[in-house]
PDB file of N, CA and C in Angstrom:
ATOM      1  N   ASP A   1       4.260 -23.203 -10.546  1.00  0.00           N
ATOM      2  CA  ASP A   1       3.856 -24.586 -10.700  1.00  0.00           C
ATOM      3  C   ASP A   1       2.817 -25.004  -9.663  1.00  0.00           C
ATOM      4  N   ASN A   2       2.782 -24.297  -8.542  1.00  0.00           N
ATOM      5  CA  ASN A   2       1.885 -24.667  -7.458  1.00  0.00           C
ATOM      6  C   ASN A   2       1.147 -23.428  -6.929  1.00  0.00           C
ATOM      7  N   PRO A   3       0.125 -22.953  -7.625  1.00  0.00           N
ATOM      8  CA  PRO A   3      -0.583 -21.726  -7.219  1.00  0.00           C
ATOM      9  C   PRO A   3      -1.168 -21.793  -5.811  1.00  0.00           C
ATOM     10  N   SER A   4      -1.559 -22.951  -5.359  1.00  0.00           N
ATOM     11  CA  SER A   4      -2.142 -23.052  -4.016  1.00  0.00           C
ATOM     12  C   SER A   4      -1.116 -22.703  -2.931  1.00  0.00           C
ATOM     13  N   ALA A   5       0.161 -22.904  -3.216  1.00  0.00           N
ATOM     14  CA  ALA A   5       1.193 -22.547  -2.242  1.00  0.00           C
ATOM     15  C   ALA A   5       1.235 -21.035  -2.021  1.00  0.00           C
ATOM     16  N   TYR A   6       0.977 -20.258  -3.081  1.00  0.00           N
ATOM     17  CA  TYR A   6       0.952 -18.802  -2.961  1.00  0.00           C
ATOM     18  C   TYR A   6      -0.292 -18.331  -2.214  1.00  0.00           C
ATOM     19  N   GLU A   7      -1.362 -19.048  -2.373  1.00  0.00           N
ATOM     20  CA  GLU A   7      -2.630 -18.661  -1.754  1.00  0.00           C
ATOM     21  C   GLU A   7      -2.545 -18.635  -0.230  1.00  0.00           C
ATOM     22  N   VAL A   8      -1.703 -19.448   0.343  1.00  0.00           N
ATOM     23  CA  VAL A   8      -1.521 -19.480   1.790  1.00  0.00           C
ATOM     24  C   VAL A   8      -1.057 -18.118   2.311  1.00  0.00           C
ATOM     25  N   TYR A   9      -0.272 -17.387   1.520  1.00  0.00           N
ATOM     26  CA  TYR A   9       0.295 -16.108   1.940  1.00  0.00           C
ATOM     27  C   TYR A   9      -0.430 -14.908   1.348  1.00  0.00           C
ATOM     28  N   ASN A  10      -1.556 -15.120   0.701  1.00  0.00           N
ATOM     29  CA  ASN A  10      -2.307 -14.033   0.084  1.00  0.00           C
ATOM     30  C   ASN A  10      -2.944 -13.167   1.171  1.00  0.00           C
ATOM     31  N   PRO A  11      -2.557 -11.885   1.266  1.00  0.00           N
ATOM     32  CA  PRO A  11      -3.080 -11.023   2.330  1.00  0.00           C
ATOM     33  C   PRO A  11      -4.598 -10.899   2.338  1.00  0.00           C
ATOM     34  N   VAL A  12      -5.228 -11.046   1.203  1.00  0.00           N
ATOM     35  CA  VAL A  12      -6.687 -10.909   1.157  1.00  0.00           C
ATOM     36  C   VAL A  12      -7.379 -11.946   2.044  1.00  0.00           C
ATOM     37  N   ASN A  13      -6.720 -13.044   2.292  1.00  0.00           N
ATOM     38  CA  ASN A  13      -7.293 -14.086   3.154  1.00  0.00           C
ATOM     39  C   ASN A  13      -7.267 -13.707   4.631  1.00  0.00           C
ATOM     40  N   TYR A  14      -6.580 -12.613   4.960  1.00  0.00           N
ATOM     41  CA  TYR A  14      -6.406 -12.234   6.358  1.00  0.00           C
ATOM     42  C   TYR A  14      -6.948 -10.837   6.676  1.00  0.00           C
ATOM     43  N   VAL A  15      -7.703 -10.265   5.771  1.00  0.00           N
ATOM     44  CA  VAL A  15      -8.245  -8.925   5.973  1.00  0.00           C
ATOM     45  C   VAL A  15      -9.043  -8.844   7.273  1.00  0.00           C
ATOM     46  N   ALA A  16      -9.760  -9.872   7.617  1.00  0.00           N
ATOM     47  CA  ALA A  16     -10.558  -9.867   8.850  1.00  0.00           C
ATOM     48  C   ALA A  16      -9.681  -9.692  10.094  1.00  0.00           C
ATOM     49  N   ASN A  17      -8.387  -9.991   9.988  1.00  0.00           N
ATOM     50  CA  ASN A  17      -7.469  -9.858  11.120  1.00  0.00           C
ATOM     51  C   ASN A  17      -6.742  -8.513  11.152  1.00  0.00           C
ATOM     52  N   TRP A  18      -6.906  -7.695  10.116  1.00  0.00           N
ATOM     53  CA  TRP A  18      -6.205  -6.421  10.054  1.00  0.00           C
ATOM     54  C   TRP A  18      -6.742  -5.469  11.113  1.00  0.00           C
ATOM     55  N   THR A  19      -5.858  -4.841  11.877  1.00  0.00           N
ATOM     56  CA  THR A  19      -6.267  -3.884  12.907  1.00  0.00           C
ATOM     57  C   THR A  19      -5.386  -2.640  12.932  1.00  0.00           C
ATOM     58  N   GLN A  20      -4.209  -2.709  12.372  1.00  0.00           N
ATOM     59  CA  GLN A  20      -3.236  -1.622  12.490  1.00  0.00           C
ATOM     60  C   GLN A  20      -3.383  -0.600  11.359  1.00  0.00           C
ATOM     61  N   PRO A  21      -3.106   0.669  11.650  1.00  0.00           N
ATOM     62  CA  PRO A  21      -3.099   1.685  10.595  1.00  0.00           C
ATOM     63  C   PRO A  21      -2.107   1.300   9.505  1.00  0.00           C
ATOM     64  N   MET A  22      -2.464   1.619   8.260  1.00  0.00           N
ATOM     65  CA  MET A  22      -1.578   1.272   7.140  1.00  0.00           C
ATOM     66  C   MET A  22      -1.511   2.413   6.134  1.00  0.00           C
ATOM     67  N   LEU A  23      -0.298   2.661   5.675  1.00  0.00           N
ATOM     68  CA  LEU A  23      -0.049   3.589   4.581  1.00  0.00           C
ATOM     69  C   LEU A  23       0.179   2.727   3.346  1.00  0.00           C
ATOM     70  N   ILE A  24      -0.656   2.921   2.337  1.00  0.00           N
ATOM     71  CA  ILE A  24      -0.548   2.158   1.089  1.00  0.00           C
ATOM     72  C   ILE A  24       0.037   3.091   0.036  1.00  0.00           C
ATOM     73  N   ILE A  25       1.137   2.688  -0.595  1.00  0.00           N
ATOM     74  CA  ILE A  25       1.769   3.487  -1.642  1.00  0.00           C
ATOM     75  C   ILE A  25       1.735   2.679  -2.926  1.00  0.00           C
ATOM     76  N   VAL A  26       1.179   3.307  -3.972  1.00  0.00           N
ATOM     77  CA  VAL A  26       0.951   2.605  -5.230  1.00  0.00           C
ATOM     78  C   VAL A  26       1.546   3.405  -6.384  1.00  0.00           C
ATOM     79  N   GLY A  27       2.263   2.707  -7.259  1.00  0.00           N
ATOM     80  CA  GLY A  27       2.715   3.281  -8.520  1.00  0.00           C
ATOM     81  C   GLY A  27       1.960   2.598  -9.650  1.00  0.00           C
ATOM     82  N   ALA A  28       1.374   3.385 -10.539  1.00  0.00           N
ATOM     83  CA  ALA A  28       0.544   2.820 -11.609  1.00  0.00           C
ATOM     84  C   ALA A  28       1.326   1.918 -12.559  1.00  0.00           C
ATOM     85  N   HIS A  29       2.630   2.126 -12.660  1.00  0.00           N
ATOM     86  CA  HIS A  29       3.448   1.323 -13.575  1.00  0.00           C
ATOM     87  C   HIS A  29       4.238   0.240 -12.852  1.00  0.00           C
ATOM     88  N   ASP A  30       3.792  -0.092 -11.657  1.00  0.00           N
ATOM     89  CA  ASP A  30       4.461  -1.137 -10.869  1.00  0.00           C
ATOM     90  C   ASP A  30       3.966  -2.496 -11.351  1.00  0.00           C
ATOM     91  N   TYR A  31       4.848  -3.256 -11.971  1.00  0.00           N
ATOM     92  CA  TYR A  31       4.453  -4.562 -12.485  1.00  0.00           C
ATOM     93  C   TYR A  31       4.694  -5.670 -11.463  1.00  0.00           C
ATOM     94  N   ARG A  32       5.291  -5.336 -10.329  1.00  0.00           N
ATOM     95  CA  ARG A  32       5.463  -6.312  -9.246  1.00  0.00           C
ATOM     96  C   ARG A  32       4.189  -6.412  -8.416  1.00  0.00           C
ATOM     97  N   VAL A  33       3.583  -5.237  -8.168  1.00  0.00           N
ATOM     98  CA  VAL A  33       2.351  -5.174  -7.382  1.00  0.00           C
ATOM     99  C   VAL A  33       1.350  -4.350  -8.185  1.00  0.00           C
ATOM    100  N   PRO A  34       0.390  -4.991  -8.842  1.00  0.00           N
ATOM    101  CA  PRO A  34      -0.580  -4.241  -9.645  1.00  0.00           C
ATOM    102  C   PRO A  34      -1.324  -3.213  -8.795  1.00  0.00           C
ATOM    103  N   GLU A  35      -1.587  -2.046  -9.388  1.00  0.00           N
ATOM    104  CA  GLU A  35      -2.233  -0.969  -8.640  1.00  0.00           C
ATOM    105  C   GLU A  35      -3.577  -1.394  -8.058  1.00  0.00           C
ATOM    106  N   THR A  36      -4.261  -2.312  -8.712  1.00  0.00           N
ATOM    107  CA  THR A  36      -5.549  -2.772  -8.186  1.00  0.00           C
ATOM    108  C   THR A  36      -5.405  -3.453  -6.838  1.00  0.00           C
ATOM    109  N   GLN A  37      -4.272  -4.089  -6.588  1.00  0.00           N
ATOM    110  CA  GLN A  37      -4.061  -4.734  -5.288  1.00  0.00           C
ATOM    111  C   GLN A  37      -3.887  -3.699  -4.185  1.00  0.00           C
ATOM    112  N   GLY A  38      -3.146  -2.639  -4.459  1.00  0.00           N
ATOM    113  CA  GLY A  38      -2.974  -1.583  -3.472  1.00  0.00           C
ATOM    114  C   GLY A  38      -4.273  -0.853  -3.190  1.00  0.00           C
ATOM    115  N   ILE A  39      -5.008  -0.540  -4.248  1.00  0.00           N
ATOM    116  CA  ILE A  39      -6.289   0.149  -4.083  1.00  0.00           C
ATOM    117  C   ILE A  39      -7.284  -0.757  -3.372  1.00  0.00           C
ATOM    118  N   GLY A  40      -7.249  -2.046  -3.680  1.00  0.00           N
ATOM    119  CA  GLY A  40      -8.123  -3.003  -3.003  1.00  0.00           C
ATOM    120  C   GLY A  40      -7.814  -3.103  -1.522  1.00  0.00           C
ATOM    121  N   ALA A  41      -6.532  -3.110  -1.177  1.00  0.00           N
ATOM    122  CA  ALA A  41      -6.143  -3.155   0.233  1.00  0.00           C
ATOM    123  C   ALA A  41      -6.612  -1.897   0.952  1.00  0.00           C
ATOM    124  N   PHE A  42      -6.440  -0.750   0.304  1.00  0.00           N
ATOM    125  CA  PHE A  42      -6.887   0.508   0.900  1.00  0.00           C
ATOM    126  C   PHE A  42      -8.402   0.502   1.102  1.00  0.00           C
ATOM    127  N   THR A  43      -9.139   0.024   0.126  1.00  0.00           N
ATOM    128  CA  THR A  43     -10.599  -0.049   0.234  1.00  0.00           C
ATOM    129  C   THR A  43     -11.006  -0.955   1.390  1.00  0.00           C
ATOM    130  N   ALA A  44     -10.339  -2.090   1.526  1.00  0.00           N
ATOM    131  CA  ALA A  44     -10.654  -3.007   2.628  1.00  0.00           C
ATOM    132  C   ALA A  44     -10.403  -2.339   3.978  1.00  0.00           C
ATOM    133  N   LEU A  45      -9.311  -1.596   4.080  1.00  0.00           N
ATOM    134  CA  LEU A  45      -9.010  -0.881   5.325  1.00  0.00           C
ATOM    135  C   LEU A  45     -10.083   0.157   5.632  1.00  0.00           C
ATOM    136  N   GLN A  46     -10.470   0.912   4.622  1.00  0.00           N
ATOM    137  CA  GLN A  46     -11.484   1.943   4.810  1.00  0.00           C
ATOM    138  C   GLN A  46     -12.820   1.337   5.235  1.00  0.00           C
ATOM    139  N   ARG A  47     -13.198   0.251   4.613  1.00  0.00           N
ATOM    140  CA  ARG A  47     -14.471  -0.401   4.958  1.00  0.00           C
ATOM    141  C   ARG A  47     -14.462  -0.962   6.370  1.00  0.00           C
ATOM    142  N   ARG A  48     -13.287  -1.258   6.891  1.00  0.00           N
ATOM    143  CA  ARG A  48     -13.172  -1.780   8.259  1.00  0.00           C
ATOM    144  C   ARG A  48     -12.892  -0.653   9.259  1.00  0.00           C
ATOM    145  N   ASN A  49     -12.956   0.594   8.781  1.00  0.00           N
ATOM    146  CA  ASN A  49     -12.707   1.773   9.617  1.00  0.00           C
ATOM    147  C   ASN A  49     -11.334   1.754  10.283  1.00  0.00           C
ATOM    148  N   ILE A  50     -10.359   1.237   9.560  1.00  0.00           N
ATOM    149  CA  ILE A  50      -8.982   1.233  10.039  1.00  0.00           C
ATOM    150  C   ILE A  50      -8.286   2.459   9.448  1.00  0.00           C
ATOM    151  N   THR A  51      -7.603   3.196  10.293  1.00  0.00           N
ATOM    152  CA  THR A  51      -6.890   4.379   9.826  1.00  0.00           C
ATOM    153  C   THR A  51      -5.964   3.977   8.683  1.00  0.00           C
ATOM    154  N   SER A  52      -6.122   4.673   7.558  1.00  0.00           N
ATOM    155  CA  SER A  52      -5.328   4.324   6.386  1.00  0.00           C
ATOM    156  C   SER A  52      -5.210   5.525   5.463  1.00  0.00           C
ATOM    157  N   ARG A  53      -4.194   5.487   4.645  1.00  0.00           N
ATOM    158  CA  ARG A  53      -3.957   6.546   3.666  1.00  0.00           C
ATOM    159  C   ARG A  53      -3.418   5.894   2.404  1.00  0.00           C
ATOM    160  N   LEU A  54      -3.887   6.391   1.264  1.00  0.00           N
ATOM    161  CA  LEU A  54      -3.429   5.911  -0.037  1.00  0.00           C
ATOM    162  C   LEU A  54      -2.614   7.002  -0.694  1.00  0.00           C
ATOM    163  N   LEU A  55      -1.392   6.679  -1.048  1.00  0.00           N
ATOM    164  CA  LEU A  55      -0.526   7.577  -1.798  1.00  0.00           C
ATOM    165  C   LEU A  55      -0.349   6.958  -3.180  1.00  0.00           C
ATOM    166  N   TYR A  56      -0.849   7.646  -4.188  1.00  0.00           N
ATOM    167  CA  TYR A  56      -0.895   7.090  -5.549  1.00  0.00           C
ATOM    168  C   TYR A  56      -0.028   7.921  -6.485  1.00  0.00           C
ATOM    169  N   PHE A  57       0.880   7.245  -7.177  1.00  0.00           N
ATOM    170  CA  PHE A  57       1.738   7.889  -8.166  1.00  0.00           C
ATOM    171  C   PHE A  57       1.400   7.330  -9.547  1.00  0.00           C
ATOM    172  N   PRO A  58       0.639   8.064 -10.356  1.00  0.00           N
ATOM    173  CA  PRO A  58       0.191   7.530 -11.651  1.00  0.00           C
ATOM    174  C   PRO A  58       1.302   7.337 -12.684  1.00  0.00           C
ATOM    175  N   THR A  59       2.462   7.960 -12.474  1.00  0.00           N
ATOM    176  CA  THR A  59       3.541   7.838 -13.464  1.00  0.00           C
ATOM    177  C   THR A  59       4.766   7.106 -12.927  1.00  0.00           C
ATOM    178  N   GLU A  60       4.642   6.506 -11.744  1.00  0.00           N
ATOM    179  CA  GLU A  60       5.790   5.823 -11.154  1.00  0.00           C
ATOM    180  C   GLU A  60       5.603   4.305 -11.192  1.00  0.00           C
ATOM    181  N   ASN A  61       6.695   3.595 -10.941  1.00  0.00           N
ATOM    182  CA  ASN A  61       6.637   2.136 -10.895  1.00  0.00           C
ATOM    183  C   ASN A  61       6.901   1.683  -9.460  1.00  0.00           C
ATOM    184  N   HIS A  62       7.595   0.584  -9.287  1.00  0.00           N
ATOM    185  CA  HIS A  62       7.878   0.073  -7.935  1.00  0.00           C
ATOM    186  C   HIS A  62       8.790   1.026  -7.171  1.00  0.00           C
ATOM    187  N   TRP A  63       9.626   1.729  -7.903  1.00  0.00           N
ATOM    188  CA  TRP A  63      10.534   2.719  -7.318  1.00  0.00           C
ATOM    189  C   TRP A  63      10.073   4.098  -7.761  1.00  0.00           C
ATOM    190  N   VAL A  64      10.051   5.038  -6.841  1.00  0.00           N
ATOM    191  CA  VAL A  64       9.679   6.415  -7.170  1.00  0.00           C
ATOM    192  C   VAL A  64      10.947   7.105  -7.668  1.00  0.00           C
ATOM    193  N   LEU A  65      10.957   7.459  -8.957  1.00  0.00           N
ATOM    194  CA  LEU A  65      12.165   7.980  -9.581  1.00  0.00           C
ATOM    195  C   LEU A  65      12.147   9.491  -9.799  1.00  0.00           C
ATOM    196  N   ASN A  66      10.983  10.078  -9.988  1.00  0.00           N
ATOM    197  CA  ASN A  66      10.876  11.510 -10.194  1.00  0.00           C
ATOM    198  C   ASN A  66      11.267  12.232  -8.893  1.00  0.00           C
ATOM    199  N   PRO A  67      12.194  13.187  -8.961  1.00  0.00           N
ATOM    200  CA  PRO A  67      12.648  13.853  -7.735  1.00  0.00           C
ATOM    201  C   PRO A  67      11.524  14.511  -6.928  1.00  0.00           C
ATOM    202  N   HIS A  68      10.576  15.127  -7.599  1.00  0.00           N
ATOM    203  CA  HIS A  68       9.464  15.765  -6.892  1.00  0.00           C
ATOM    204  C   HIS A  68       8.579  14.722  -6.213  1.00  0.00           C
ATOM    205  N   HIS A  69       8.363  13.618  -6.893  1.00  0.00           N
ATOM    206  CA  HIS A  69       7.578  12.539  -6.297  1.00  0.00           C
ATOM    207  C   HIS A  69       8.326  11.916  -5.120  1.00  0.00           C
ATOM    208  N   SER A  70       9.637  11.843  -5.247  1.00  0.00           N
ATOM    209  CA  SER A  70      10.447  11.283  -4.170  1.00  0.00           C
ATOM    210  C   SER A  70      10.324  12.130  -2.901  1.00  0.00           C
ATOM    211  N   ILE A  71      10.327  13.437  -3.064  1.00  0.00           N
ATOM    212  CA  ILE A  71      10.144  14.333  -1.910  1.00  0.00           C
ATOM    213  C   ILE A  71       8.776  14.087  -1.284  1.00  0.00           C
ATOM    214  N   ALA A  72       7.736  13.991  -2.106  1.00  0.00           N
ATOM    215  CA  ALA A  72       6.390  13.724  -1.590  1.00  0.00           C
ATOM    216  C   ALA A  72       6.343  12.382  -0.870  1.00  0.00           C
ATOM    217  N   TRP A  73       7.015  11.383  -1.439  1.00  0.00           N
ATOM    218  CA  TRP A  73       7.051  10.055  -0.824  1.00  0.00           C
ATOM    219  C   TRP A  73       7.652  10.137   0.576  1.00  0.00           C
ATOM    220  N   PHE A  74       8.827  10.774   0.689  1.00  0.00           N
ATOM    221  CA  PHE A  74       9.493  10.876   1.990  1.00  0.00           C
ATOM    222  C   PHE A  74       8.663  11.682   2.983  1.00  0.00           C
ATOM    223  N   GLU A  75       8.065  12.784   2.538  1.00  0.00           N
ATOM    224  CA  GLU A  75       7.234  13.582   3.442  1.00  0.00           C
ATOM    225  C   GLU A  75       6.072  12.755   3.985  1.00  0.00           C
ATOM    226  N   GLU A  76       5.404  12.024   3.106  1.00  0.00           N
ATOM    227  CA  GLU A  76       4.267  11.207   3.528  1.00  0.00           C
ATOM    228  C   GLU A  76       4.685  10.095   4.489  1.00  0.00           C
ATOM    229  N   VAL A  77       5.766   9.408   4.150  1.00  0.00           N
ATOM    230  CA  VAL A  77       6.229   8.297   4.997  1.00  0.00           C
ATOM    231  C   VAL A  77       6.665   8.812   6.369  1.00  0.00           C
ATOM    232  N   PHE A  78       7.432   9.901   6.391  1.00  0.00           N
ATOM    233  CA  PHE A  78       7.876  10.434   7.687  1.00  0.00           C
ATOM    234  C   PHE A  78       6.708  10.972   8.498  1.00  0.00           C
ATOM    235  N   ASN A  79       5.745  11.634   7.862  1.00  0.00           N
ATOM    236  CA  ASN A  79       4.557  12.101   8.584  1.00  0.00           C
ATOM    237  C   ASN A  79       3.780  10.921   9.155  1.00  0.00           C
ATOM    238  N   TRP A  80       3.647   9.880   8.365  1.00  0.00           N
ATOM    239  CA  TRP A  80       2.922   8.682   8.824  1.00  0.00           C
ATOM    240  C   TRP A  80       3.626   8.068  10.033  1.00  0.00           C
ATOM    241  N   MET A  81       4.944   7.968   9.950  1.00  0.00           N
ATOM    242  CA  MET A  81       5.703   7.384  11.058  1.00  0.00           C
ATOM    243  C   MET A  81       5.592   8.262  12.305  1.00  0.00           C
ATOM    244  N   ARG A  82       5.629   9.581  12.142  1.00  0.00           N
ATOM    245  CA  ARG A  82       5.478  10.473  13.298  1.00  0.00           C
ATOM    246  C   ARG A  82       4.120  10.270  13.972  1.00  0.00           C
ATOM    247  N   GLN A  83       3.097  10.062  13.172  1.00  0.00           N
ATOM    248  CA  GLN A  83       1.741   9.901  13.714  1.00  0.00           C
ATOM    249  C   GLN A  83       1.519   8.543  14.351  1.00  0.00           C
ATOM    250  N   HIS A  84       2.079   7.486  13.759  1.00  0.00           N
ATOM    251  CA  HIS A  84       1.681   6.140  14.136  1.00  0.00           C
ATOM    252  C   HIS A  84       2.765   5.281  14.779  1.00  0.00           C
ATOM    253  N   ALA A  85       3.992   5.769  14.813  1.00  0.00           N
ATOM    254  CA  ALA A  85       5.055   4.947  15.376  1.00  0.00           C
ATOM    255  C   ALA A  85       5.610   5.505  16.681  1.00  0.00           C
ATOM    256  N   SER A  86       4.991   6.547  17.165  1.00  0.00           N
ATOM    257  CA  SER A  86       5.521   7.109  18.424  1.00  0.00           C
ATOM    258  C   SER A  86       4.673   6.727  19.608  1.00  0.00           C
TER     259      SER A  86
END
């Protein structure tokens, strides 16, 4: 009912303030977060020379359900945390 209320929290309005490394994980069938938003965020990070990685699952949704994809998801997340959270 009030789209302007959502605009206050739209991350695209704060890209100029982004400084931290980010891992972006996108599922093509995610209807909560359209894949274009994840790819757009990754592109913005790359253009600002911020360390970033895009993990794209063309057959997954918001939850990674395929066991092989789940293993890849965990490996990527744990590797990212080892690199950037220590």
